[in-house]
Amino acid sequence: MHVDRATVTVADGFVPVIDLSSRNTVEGRAALARAIDAACTGSGFFVIVGHGIPQDFIDRMFTVTYEFFRLPDEEKERVAHRPGVSGFRRTGGSTAHSLDQQTPPDLCEAFSVHATGELSEEERRKLGNEWATWTLANIWPENPPEFRKVWQEYMTAMGELAADLMRLFAIALDLDETFFDDKFDHHGSSIAVNYYPPQLTPPLPGQWRRGPHTDFGSLTILYQEDNRGGLQVLQGEDDWRDVCAIPGSFVVNIGDLMALWTGGRWVSTMHRVVTPQPDDTSSRLTIPYFYLPNHDASIEPMRPFTDSPAVERFDTVTVSEWVSRKVQKIFS
């Protein structure tokens, strides 16, 4: 498939790097849509540069987040995830469980908040009765003092970037550019930061920092440290490809819901975060933003399913039904 080279700055065919700086023109958006279609058809992963998010803002998000995770355990536990609220988790669960693979817990801590977590209790009661994290209130730490403000600003910026990526997705799928807008006008998106502490003891058999999994939503935007590797994407049966952290970039990938939405035209690809070498005792922090449609949006495949056995098949499914089932598996 032809891809306009003006939009691709690194010619790695499996996880290409796409420069979004031309997205303010009709011609640029058309070229970007072609590049995105090629990436989502091939691996479901691509890296974006030229996205317009200031580096100093990203650095502030990293700084306050690292400061939180380095607090004493007893202080982090004050904002622990518990019935009714979403916050700190001593363990991020086991992502491989979402694919019914039984593995030890992932070697990470997590902190998560949701766009809907700022709503009143009455408003959140309207978000369905399925077990789902977007029905929970956000709980915020007192330290660092600027944590809540920076996180809220970051969530707003990621939401705006994700919304424009979805418009480029619509062009790539030969739809009206605004096709997805009303499916995300009260979206349940989240930030769920992964903190990987220094690994001082060998992992258990089958244990990873994040086990092999596919994301289950529509779109993920991930920021990872420039000097910390670990993210790998599966190509073929057993070829795990490193995804390098390019300074100032975000890694974008689609999830199972988007693959279903396109009838399997686009793919949701297995990925993992590997454990470091025995002599590497560094920590690692990644900031994924999960862009989810409205909880009550009904997702219907846009075309007949492909022959791929990797795509779960439904005539229609609501977002709340889909996501609640996946999340429960992770923390089972």
Protein backbone atom coordinates (compact mmCIF):
# COMPACT_ATOMS: atom_id res chain seq x y z
CA MET A 1 0.00 0.00 0.00
CA HIS A 2 1.32 3.47 -0.86
CA VAL A 3 1.98 5.79 2.06
CA ASP A 4 2.92 9.45 1.53
CA ARG A 5 6.54 9.69 2.65
CA ALA A 6 6.02 13.32 3.65
CA THR A 7 4.02 12.11 6.65
CA VAL A 8 6.33 9.27 7.69
CA THR A 9 9.65 10.26 9.22
CA VAL A 10 10.99 6.78 10.08
CA ALA A 11 10.52 3.99 7.56
CA ASP A 12 9.95 1.09 9.97
CA GLY A 13 7.05 -0.60 8.28
CA PHE A 14 5.60 -2.34 11.33
CA VAL A 15 5.45 0.62 13.74
CA PRO A 16 5.89 3.71 11.54
CA VAL A 17 6.52 7.21 12.85
CA ILE A 18 3.93 9.68 11.58
CA ASP A 19 4.45 13.45 11.68
CA LEU A 20 1.15 15.19 12.46
CA SER A 21 2.42 18.70 11.76
CA SER A 22 0.54 18.80 8.42
CA ARG A 23 -2.88 18.10 9.97
CA ASN A 24 -4.08 21.71 9.63
CA THR A 25 -4.60 21.46 5.86
CA VAL A 26 -7.07 19.40 3.85
CA GLU A 27 -4.28 17.85 1.81
CA GLY A 28 -2.22 17.11 4.90
CA ARG A 29 -5.13 15.44 6.67
CA ALA A 30 -5.81 13.26 3.64
CA ALA A 31 -2.17 12.16 3.52
CA LEU A 32 -2.10 11.50 7.26
CA ALA A 33 -5.26 9.42 7.00
CA ARG A 34 -3.63 7.23 4.37
CA ALA A 35 -0.57 6.73 6.58
CA ILE A 36 -2.75 5.92 9.59
CA ASP A 37 -4.82 3.43 7.60
CA ALA A 38 -1.65 1.63 6.52
CA ALA A 39 -0.38 1.50 10.12
CA CYS A 40 -3.69 0.32 11.60
CA THR A 41 -4.10 -2.31 8.91
CA GLY A 42 -0.57 -3.60 9.46
CA SER A 43 0.11 -3.52 13.20
CA GLY A 44 -2.41 -1.22 14.85
CA PHE A 45 0.57 0.75 16.23
CA PHE A 46 2.28 3.95 15.16
CA VAL A 47 4.34 6.71 16.76
CA ILE A 48 3.36 10.36 16.41
CA VAL A 49 5.54 13.46 16.38
CA GLY A 50 4.49 17.01 15.52
CA HIS A 51 1.46 16.56 17.78
CA GLY A 52 1.59 20.02 19.35
CA ILE A 53 1.75 19.00 23.03
CA PRO A 54 4.54 21.13 24.61
CA GLN A 55 7.43 19.14 26.03
CA ASP A 56 7.63 21.22 29.18
CA PHE A 57 4.00 20.33 29.93
CA ILE A 58 4.74 16.62 29.47
CA ASP A 59 7.79 17.00 31.71
CA ARG A 60 5.64 18.54 34.46
CA MET A 61 3.27 15.58 34.24
CA PHE A 62 6.19 13.18 34.61
CA THR A 63 7.72 15.09 37.49
CA VAL A 64 4.59 15.23 39.69
CA THR A 65 3.75 11.62 38.89
CA TYR A 66 7.20 10.34 39.83
CA GLU A 67 7.03 12.38 43.02
CA PHE A 68 3.79 10.66 43.96
CA PHE A 69 5.04 7.11 43.36
CA ARG A 70 8.16 7.81 45.40
CA LEU A 71 6.13 8.80 48.45
CA PRO A 72 6.11 6.44 51.47
CA ASP A 73 3.74 3.52 51.07
CA GLU A 74 1.46 4.68 53.86
CA GLU A 75 0.89 8.01 52.13
CA LYS A 76 0.07 6.40 48.78
CA GLU A 77 -2.36 4.06 50.54
CA ARG A 78 -4.42 7.05 51.65
CA VAL A 79 -5.64 7.37 48.06
CA ALA A 80 -5.90 3.65 47.36
CA HIS A 81 -8.46 2.30 44.92
CA ARG A 82 -11.42 1.00 46.90
CA PRO A 83 -15.22 0.70 46.56
CA GLY A 84 -16.57 3.94 45.14
CA VAL A 85 -13.26 5.59 44.20
CA SER A 86 -10.47 5.09 41.68
CA GLY A 87 -6.89 5.87 42.63
CA PHE A 88 -3.69 4.08 43.64
CA ARG A 89 -3.26 0.34 43.15
CA ARG A 90 -0.40 -1.52 44.80
CA THR A 91 -0.61 -3.93 41.88
CA GLY A 92 -1.90 -3.13 38.42
CA GLY A 93 -3.49 -6.57 38.16
CA SER A 94 -2.53 -8.97 35.41
CA THR A 95 -3.20 -7.70 31.90
CA ALA A 96 -2.74 -11.19 30.45
CA HIS A 97 -5.90 -12.23 32.33
CA SER A 98 -7.90 -10.10 29.86
CA LEU A 99 -7.01 -12.76 27.27
CA ASP A 100 -7.74 -15.61 29.70
CA GLN A 101 -4.02 -16.30 30.21
CA GLN A 102 -3.21 -17.19 33.83
CA THR A 103 -0.04 -15.40 34.93
CA PRO A 104 1.39 -13.94 38.16
CA PRO A 105 0.55 -10.28 38.89
CA ASP A 106 2.33 -7.72 36.73
CA LEU A 107 5.33 -6.03 38.34
CA CYS A 108 3.91 -2.55 38.51
CA GLU A 109 1.99 -0.07 40.61
CA ALA A 110 -0.72 2.08 39.07
CA PHE A 111 -2.73 5.23 39.61
CA SER A 112 -5.82 5.97 37.56
CA VAL A 113 -8.45 8.66 37.13
CA HIS A 114 -11.35 9.00 34.70
CA ALA A 115 -12.99 11.83 32.81
CA THR A 116 -16.28 10.85 34.45
CA GLY A 117 -14.70 10.64 37.90
CA GLU A 118 -15.16 14.38 38.35
CA LEU A 119 -18.94 14.13 37.93
CA SER A 120 -21.29 14.22 40.88
CA GLU A 121 -22.48 10.97 42.44
CA GLU A 122 -25.92 11.53 40.94
CA GLU A 123 -24.46 11.97 37.45
CA ARG A 124 -22.25 8.91 37.81
CA ARG A 125 -25.26 6.79 38.75
CA LYS A 126 -26.50 7.37 35.20
CA LEU A 127 -23.44 5.67 33.69
CA GLY A 128 -24.91 2.16 33.79
CA ASN A 129 -24.94 -0.62 36.34
CA GLU A 130 -22.16 -2.74 34.86
CA TRP A 131 -18.96 -3.14 36.88
CA ALA A 132 -16.87 -0.41 35.28
CA THR A 133 -14.19 1.96 36.53
CA TRP A 134 -15.76 5.05 34.95
CA THR A 135 -18.58 4.89 37.52
CA LEU A 136 -16.06 5.60 40.32
CA ALA A 137 -15.15 8.98 41.76
CA ASN A 138 -11.57 10.19 41.34
CA ILE A 139 -9.55 10.41 44.55
CA TRP A 140 -6.59 12.77 44.54
CA PRO A 141 -3.43 12.82 46.69
CA GLU A 142 -2.53 15.90 48.72
CA ASN A 143 1.10 15.53 47.66
CA PRO A 144 2.57 16.68 45.40
CA PRO A 145 0.34 19.78 45.83
CA GLU A 146 0.04 20.40 42.06
CA PHE A 147 -0.73 16.74 41.21
CA ARG A 148 -4.47 17.16 40.62
CA LYS A 149 -4.16 20.34 38.54
CA VAL A 150 -1.46 18.93 36.27
CA TRP A 151 -3.28 15.62 35.78
CA GLN A 152 -6.55 17.35 34.91
CA GLU A 153 -4.79 19.58 32.39
CA TYR A 154 -3.05 16.57 30.88
CA MET A 155 -6.31 14.64 30.58
CA THR A 156 -7.90 17.59 28.76
CA ALA A 157 -4.96 17.87 26.34
CA MET A 158 -4.98 14.14 25.60
CA GLY A 159 -8.74 14.22 25.03
CA GLU A 160 -8.36 16.95 22.43
CA LEU A 161 -5.53 15.12 20.68
CA ALA A 162 -7.45 11.83 20.73
CA ALA A 163 -10.57 13.49 19.32
CA ASP A 164 -8.59 14.78 16.36
CA LEU A 165 -6.97 11.39 15.82
CA MET A 166 -10.47 9.88 15.68
CA ARG A 167 -11.38 12.41 12.98
CA LEU A 168 -8.32 11.29 11.02
CA PHE A 169 -9.48 7.71 11.63
CA ALA A 170 -12.84 8.59 10.09
CA ILE A 171 -11.17 9.98 6.96
CA ALA A 172 -8.99 6.86 6.76
CA LEU A 173 -12.12 4.69 6.91
CA ASP A 174 -13.85 6.71 4.12
CA LEU A 175 -16.36 8.16 6.58
CA ASP A 176 -17.42 11.73 7.25
CA GLU A 177 -14.72 13.36 9.36
CA THR A 178 -17.21 13.96 12.20
CA PHE A 179 -18.54 10.37 12.21
CA PHE A 180 -17.14 9.54 15.67
CA ASP A 181 -17.86 12.89 17.36
CA ASP A 182 -21.24 12.01 18.90
CA LYS A 183 -19.91 8.63 20.10
CA PHE A 184 -17.42 10.45 22.37
CA ASP A 185 -19.37 13.50 23.55
CA HIS A 186 -19.56 12.15 27.13
CA HIS A 187 -16.69 9.69 26.91
CA GLY A 188 -15.37 7.59 29.79
CA SER A 189 -11.67 7.95 29.04
CA SER A 190 -8.95 7.49 31.62
CA ILE A 191 -5.30 7.97 32.52
CA ALA A 192 -3.86 4.87 34.15
CA VAL A 193 -0.18 5.48 34.84
CA ASN A 194 2.10 2.46 35.25
CA TYR A 195 5.02 2.75 37.65
CA TYR A 196 7.54 -0.09 37.44
CA PRO A 197 9.64 -0.07 40.63
CA PRO A 198 13.29 -1.13 40.64
CA GLN A 199 13.35 -4.89 40.23
CA LEU A 200 15.58 -6.25 42.97
CA THR A 201 14.53 -9.92 42.82
CA PRO A 202 14.07 -12.23 39.82
CA PRO A 203 10.53 -12.37 38.38
CA LEU A 204 8.38 -15.46 38.79
CA PRO A 205 7.97 -17.75 35.77
CA GLY A 206 5.66 -16.02 33.31
CA GLN A 207 5.83 -12.70 35.16
CA TRP A 208 6.33 -9.41 33.30
CA ARG A 209 6.23 -5.74 34.07
CA ARG A 210 3.10 -5.84 31.91
CA GLY A 211 2.07 -9.21 30.55
CA PRO A 212 1.16 -9.85 26.90
CA HIS A 213 -2.20 -8.26 26.12
CA THR A 214 -4.20 -6.23 23.69
CA ASP A 215 -5.85 -2.99 24.74
CA PHE A 216 -9.61 -3.32 24.85
CA GLY A 217 -10.81 0.19 23.98
CA SER A 218 -10.74 2.31 20.86
CA LEU A 219 -7.50 4.30 21.07
CA THR A 220 -4.49 4.53 23.41
CA ILE A 221 -1.96 7.38 23.51
CA LEU A 222 1.17 6.45 25.47
CA TYR A 223 4.07 8.56 26.62
CA GLN A 224 7.21 6.73 27.73
CA GLU A 225 10.54 7.99 28.98
CA ASP A 226 13.17 8.65 26.33
CA ASN A 227 15.85 6.57 28.04
CA ARG A 228 13.76 3.63 29.29
CA GLY A 229 12.91 0.75 26.98
CA GLY A 230 10.69 -2.23 27.52
CA LEU A 231 7.63 -1.92 25.29
CA GLN A 232 7.42 -4.67 22.66
CA VAL A 233 4.83 -5.37 19.95
CA LEU A 234 4.22 -8.84 18.54
CA GLN A 235 4.75 -9.31 14.81
CA GLY A 236 3.62 -12.64 13.45
CA GLU A 237 3.68 -15.68 15.69
CA ASP A 238 6.68 -15.01 17.95
CA ASP A 239 8.65 -11.96 16.75
CA TRP A 240 8.59 -9.35 19.51
CA ARG A 241 9.61 -5.93 18.16
CA ASP A 242 10.99 -3.20 20.42
CA VAL A 243 9.19 0.14 20.23
CA CYS A 244 11.86 2.74 20.82
CA ALA A 245 11.07 5.86 22.81
CA ILE A 246 11.65 8.75 20.40
CA PRO A 247 12.09 12.05 22.29
CA GLY A 248 8.89 14.08 22.26
CA SER A 249 6.77 11.36 20.68
CA PHE A 250 3.68 9.41 21.68
CA VAL A 251 2.96 5.77 20.87
CA VAL A 252 -0.57 5.32 19.52
CA ASN A 253 -2.38 2.02 19.17
CA ILE A 254 -5.91 0.87 18.59
CA GLY A 255 -7.69 -1.59 20.87
CA ASP A 256 -10.05 -4.51 20.46
CA LEU A 257 -13.12 -2.29 20.30
CA MET A 258 -11.74 -0.38 17.31
CA ALA A 259 -10.82 -3.63 15.58
CA LEU A 260 -14.38 -4.85 16.11
CA TRP A 261 -15.78 -1.51 14.92
CA THR A 262 -13.91 -1.87 11.61
CA GLY A 263 -14.90 -5.51 11.17
CA GLY A 264 -11.26 -6.55 11.49
CA ARG A 265 -9.96 -4.23 8.77
CA TRP A 266 -7.76 -2.71 11.50
CA VAL A 267 -5.92 -4.89 13.99
CA SER A 268 -5.44 -4.77 17.75
CA THR A 269 -2.00 -6.20 18.35
CA MET A 270 -0.50 -8.03 21.31
CA HIS A 271 2.11 -6.07 23.26
CA ARG A 272 3.96 -6.36 26.56
CA VAL A 273 6.49 -4.64 28.83
CA VAL A 274 9.48 -6.87 29.46
CA THR A 275 11.39 -7.15 32.72
CA PRO A 276 14.85 -5.51 32.77
CA GLN A 277 18.16 -7.29 32.70
CA PRO A 278 19.33 -8.65 36.10
CA ASP A 279 21.85 -5.84 36.58
CA ASP A 280 19.32 -3.11 35.69
CA THR A 281 17.63 -1.78 38.84
CA SER A 282 16.14 1.34 37.30
CA SER A 283 12.48 2.26 37.65
CA ARG A 284 10.23 3.04 34.69
CA LEU A 285 7.14 5.20 34.25
CA THR A 286 4.65 5.20 31.38
CA ILE A 287 1.56 7.36 30.97
CA PRO A 288 -1.18 5.78 28.84
CA TYR A 289 -4.36 7.67 28.02
CA PHE A 290 -7.25 5.39 27.07
CA TYR A 291 -9.85 7.10 24.87
CA LEU A 292 -13.16 5.30 25.32
CA PRO A 293 -16.50 6.10 23.67
CA ASN A 294 -19.61 6.99 25.64
CA HIS A 295 -20.61 4.18 27.99
CA ASP A 296 -23.98 3.81 26.22
CA ALA A 297 -22.65 3.95 22.65
CA SER A 298 -23.71 0.97 20.59
CA ILE A 299 -20.84 -0.37 18.50
CA GLU A 300 -21.78 -2.07 15.26
CA PRO A 301 -19.15 -3.34 12.79
CA MET A 302 -18.86 -1.05 9.78
CA ARG A 303 -18.35 -3.94 7.37
CA PRO A 304 -18.45 -7.75 7.33
CA PHE A 305 -15.78 -9.32 9.49
CA THR A 306 -12.49 -10.38 8.00
CA ASP A 307 -11.36 -13.99 8.30
CA SER A 308 -8.97 -13.12 11.12
CA PRO A 309 -9.55 -15.43 14.12
CA ALA A 310 -8.13 -12.75 16.44
CA VAL A 311 -11.20 -10.50 16.21
CA GLU A 312 -14.03 -11.10 18.65
CA ARG A 313 -17.29 -11.01 16.70
CA PHE A 314 -20.53 -9.33 17.72
CA ASP A 315 -23.43 -7.95 15.76
CA THR A 316 -23.61 -5.03 18.21
CA VAL A 317 -22.27 -4.40 21.70
CA THR A 318 -22.47 -1.43 24.05
CA VAL A 319 -19.24 0.07 25.29
CA SER A 320 -20.16 -0.54 28.93
CA GLU A 321 -20.81 -4.24 28.32
CA TRP A 322 -17.55 -4.64 26.42
CA VAL A 323 -15.23 -2.77 28.78
CA SER A 324 -16.67 -4.02 32.07
CA ARG A 325 -16.10 -7.62 30.99
CA LYS A 326 -12.47 -6.91 30.05
CA VAL A 327 -11.63 -4.93 33.20
CA GLN A 328 -13.05 -7.58 35.51
CA LYS A 329 -10.77 -10.16 33.95
CA ILE A 330 -7.64 -8.05 34.57
CA PHE A 331 -8.31 -7.77 38.29
CA SER A 332 -9.75 -11.26 38.79
